[in-house]
Amino acid sequence: MGVFALLLAMWPANMHHAMAQVQVEGLPASQAALWVRVPLQLVLLAWAWWYTRD
């Protein structure tokens, strides 16, 4: 359940990075990579929820 909480807590930061086009120093600029992360995080959230349910 901790992984689910962490992924959920990081959701606003990932959305902000994608919408504001925040560049990480030392990494190549890739707007596509920022937006790929958003749906991937939804998949990981679903996976964490499914794996930890009773």
C-alpha atoms as a PDB file:
ATOM      1  CA  MET A   1       0.000   0.000   0.000  1.00  0.00           C
ATOM      2  CA  GLY A   2       2.991   2.299   0.512  1.00  0.00           C
ATOM      3  CA  VAL A   3       3.888   2.177  -3.188  1.00  0.00           C
ATOM      4  CA  PHE A   4       0.321   3.170  -4.068  1.00  0.00           C
ATOM      5  CA  ALA A   5       0.477   6.115  -1.653  1.00  0.00           C
ATOM      6  CA  LEU A   6       3.830   7.233  -3.078  1.00  0.00           C
ATOM      7  CA  LEU A   7       2.585   7.064  -6.673  1.00  0.00           C
ATOM      8  CA  LEU A   8      -0.549   8.970  -5.712  1.00  0.00           C
ATOM      9  CA  ALA A   9       1.469  11.619  -3.892  1.00  0.00           C
ATOM     10  CA  MET A  10       3.735  12.097  -6.924  1.00  0.00           C
ATOM     11  CA  TRP A  11       0.826  12.551  -9.342  1.00  0.00           C
ATOM     12  CA  PRO A  12       0.566  16.368  -8.922  1.00  0.00           C
ATOM     13  CA  ALA A  13       4.319  16.787  -9.414  1.00  0.00           C
ATOM     14  CA  ASN A  14       4.298  14.731 -12.614  1.00  0.00           C
ATOM     15  CA  MET A  15       1.336  16.698 -13.960  1.00  0.00           C
ATOM     16  CA  HIS A  16       3.077  19.976 -13.123  1.00  0.00           C
ATOM     17  CA  HIS A  17       6.268  18.879 -14.867  1.00  0.00           C
ATOM     18  CA  ALA A  18       4.350  17.864 -17.993  1.00  0.00           C
ATOM     19  CA  MET A  19       2.154  20.971 -18.189  1.00  0.00           C
ATOM     20  CA  ALA A  20       4.866  23.500 -17.258  1.00  0.00           C
ATOM     21  CA  GLN A  21       7.484  21.748 -19.428  1.00  0.00           C
ATOM     22  CA  VAL A  22       9.967  21.651 -16.549  1.00  0.00           C
ATOM     23  CA  GLN A  23      13.416  20.571 -17.681  1.00  0.00           C
ATOM     24  CA  VAL A  24      15.671  18.539 -15.404  1.00  0.00           C
ATOM     25  CA  GLU A  25      19.255  19.759 -15.489  1.00  0.00           C
ATOM     26  CA  GLY A  26      21.595  17.306 -17.153  1.00  0.00           C
ATOM     27  CA  LEU A  27      18.863  15.422 -19.032  1.00  0.00           C
ATOM     28  CA  PRO A  28      17.941  15.949 -22.681  1.00  0.00           C
ATOM     29  CA  ALA A  29      14.794  18.019 -23.290  1.00  0.00           C
ATOM     30  CA  SER A  30      11.967  15.648 -24.193  1.00  0.00           C
ATOM     31  CA  GLN A  31       8.401  16.851 -23.856  1.00  0.00           C
ATOM     32  CA  ALA A  32       7.159  13.434 -24.981  1.00  0.00           C
ATOM     33  CA  ALA A  33       8.893  11.737 -22.047  1.00  0.00           C
ATOM     34  CA  LEU A  34       7.140  14.074 -19.616  1.00  0.00           C
ATOM     35  CA  TRP A  35       3.722  13.179 -21.051  1.00  0.00           C
ATOM     36  CA  VAL A  36       4.433   9.437 -21.322  1.00  0.00           C
ATOM     37  CA  ARG A  37       5.044   9.408 -17.591  1.00  0.00           C
ATOM     38  CA  VAL A  38       1.463  10.532 -16.833  1.00  0.00           C
ATOM     39  CA  PRO A  39      -0.475   7.540 -18.283  1.00  0.00           C
ATOM     40  CA  LEU A  40       2.288   5.178 -17.191  1.00  0.00           C
ATOM     41  CA  GLN A  41       1.742   6.334 -13.639  1.00  0.00           C
ATOM     42  CA  LEU A  42      -1.974   5.488 -13.949  1.00  0.00           C
ATOM     43  CA  VAL A  43      -1.040   1.962 -15.013  1.00  0.00           C
ATOM     44  CA  LEU A  44       1.363   1.648 -12.085  1.00  0.00           C
ATOM     45  CA  LEU A  45      -1.302   2.963  -9.676  1.00  0.00           C
ATOM     46  CA  ALA A  46      -3.795   0.367 -10.924  1.00  0.00           C
ATOM     47  CA  TRP A  47      -1.173  -2.359 -10.655  1.00  0.00           C
ATOM     48  CA  ALA A  48      -0.236  -1.369  -7.085  1.00  0.00           C
ATOM     49  CA  TRP A  49      -3.909  -1.214  -6.070  1.00  0.00           C
ATOM     50  CA  TRP A  50      -4.680  -4.614  -7.609  1.00  0.00           C
ATOM     51  CA  TYR A  51      -1.591  -6.263  -6.102  1.00  0.00           C
ATOM     52  CA  THR A  52      -2.199  -4.999  -2.549  1.00  0.00           C
ATOM     53  CA  ARG A  53      -5.949  -5.601  -2.247  1.00  0.00           C
ATOM     54  CA  ASP A  54      -7.174  -8.335   0.052  1.00  0.00           C
END
